[in-house]
Amino acid sequence: MKNRFPFIKNITTLILVVFPPVFSVQAQLLNPDQIKVTSGTLVSVHFDFKNAATGEFINDGQVHIFNHWTNDGKVSFTPSQQGTTYFTGQEEQIIDGEIPSTVVYSRFKNVTFNNSYASTPFLLATDISVSGNSNFQRGIIDADSYNGKVIFESNATHSNTSNNSFVDGRVTKIGTAAFEFPVGDANYYRPSIHGNSGDNSDAYTAHYFLQNSDANYPHSSKQDNIQLINDKEYWEITKDNGLTDIVLTLTLNPDTTPSFIYQEMAGTAIQIVRWDTAEKKWISEGGVTDEAQRMVTAKVSGYGIFTLARVTKAPEELDDLIVYNALSPNGDNKNDFFHIKGIDKYPDNSLEIYNRWGVLVYQTQGYNESDRVFKGFSDGRATVNRGAGLPTGTYFYILKYKTETKVKEKSGYLYVNQDN
């Protein structure tokens, strides 16, 4: 991480260029320490903007920032409004502020990043948060070099992420919703996808590195079944608050993921591996690969440094279960439910099914072959409309069942086709 640069402290006069309809807000500009931009108002700031320690800036309208932004006070919004802040400069834009705290950092309802000056025009040296949507139109945010962070609040989303616009650095997500972390490095968008968690106060942070992890996390120190570890990239994922373990999906990209991960190697599979700080070695978290979507998914047991690896497959034990991993619930009595042939012999079982975002869509105890079956309808804790069929697509299942001697586990992908 680079040192913080000396930011411009002699900020020029704040100039507000206001376009109709604006006259309803003129009374709210009486005190320069208390500015409120009301809904329907368009404000453009063409010089460096600074919100002083005593300042309060509330944006419920549309505010366009064309130069540097420094916030040492309070920047926020009215929760019921849909204000948007646009960083749309034609030159490098520094987004800075005092050391962030629970009081001092920039909170945006919606924010748009659109700057074509350079591939990385935004230099983020503070914390900012998004409550609504972050629109990544153009321009990479460099948070890594300047110790910045983008926080997505409970119901926040993002759109238009690509190799042209993402966060190079730390991204935190608060709340229960599944989330694709908009992270990347060196002009490559390389998200990690986290399933839904159990509590609104849960918080996770992700950071992607297009670097070899071997120097700090030796690839020679690993479980015996791990054959080859990705030596080009890794993710750092931390659980900042909460008790829930997540379903994690890491993505593959031929431009960044080494070819030996993609290439078939007899007796091996692509799995997620994690550096275990207690054991000081790499361990496998398992996982199954959706080659069409270029994703590997696993329910992880810890946090820290993750990457992908070629791992020796565990010997397949002989059992009498046959998993039919496709269903078309159209009422023709053919493949109308997720059929696990032989599961009736093991009534002490549990089944979880997740969508591609790691959202739990179905779970049950005592899955069978008759009345307790998955028919393509959501029954997870995040379900809103339980009568609606799940969309056509690929899902991920985890089956645990108890035999006479031990508890076994099977996992894999399941294809739901609602179109036939």
Foldseek 3Di string as FASTA:
>chain_A
DAEADDDDPPWDDWDWDWDPPPPVQPVQPPDVQGHEAADPIEIETQTEDERDQSHEYEFLYEYEYAAEYEYAHHAYYDVVGQGEYEDEYAAAYEYYYDADDPGTDHEDAEYEYHYVNDLARYEYQYEYEYAEEYEFAAHEHECPNRVYEYEYAAPYAYDDQFLGYFYQFKYKYFAFQKHWHQEDPDSGGWTKTKEGWDGRGKMKMKHKDQAACCVPQNQVFADPQFDWFFGGIKMFMATPDDDTFIKMKGADDPVRTDVVQVDDDPQWHKFKWDQDPVSSGIYTQGFEADVVRRMTIGRGDHGTMMGITIGGDDDDDDDDWDWDQEAACPPPPPRQFGDTPPCQVFQQKKKWKAAPSRYTFDIDHRQDHPDRTGRQFGDGPPDDDRVDGDAWDKMKMWMWTDDPPGIDIDIDIHTYDHPD
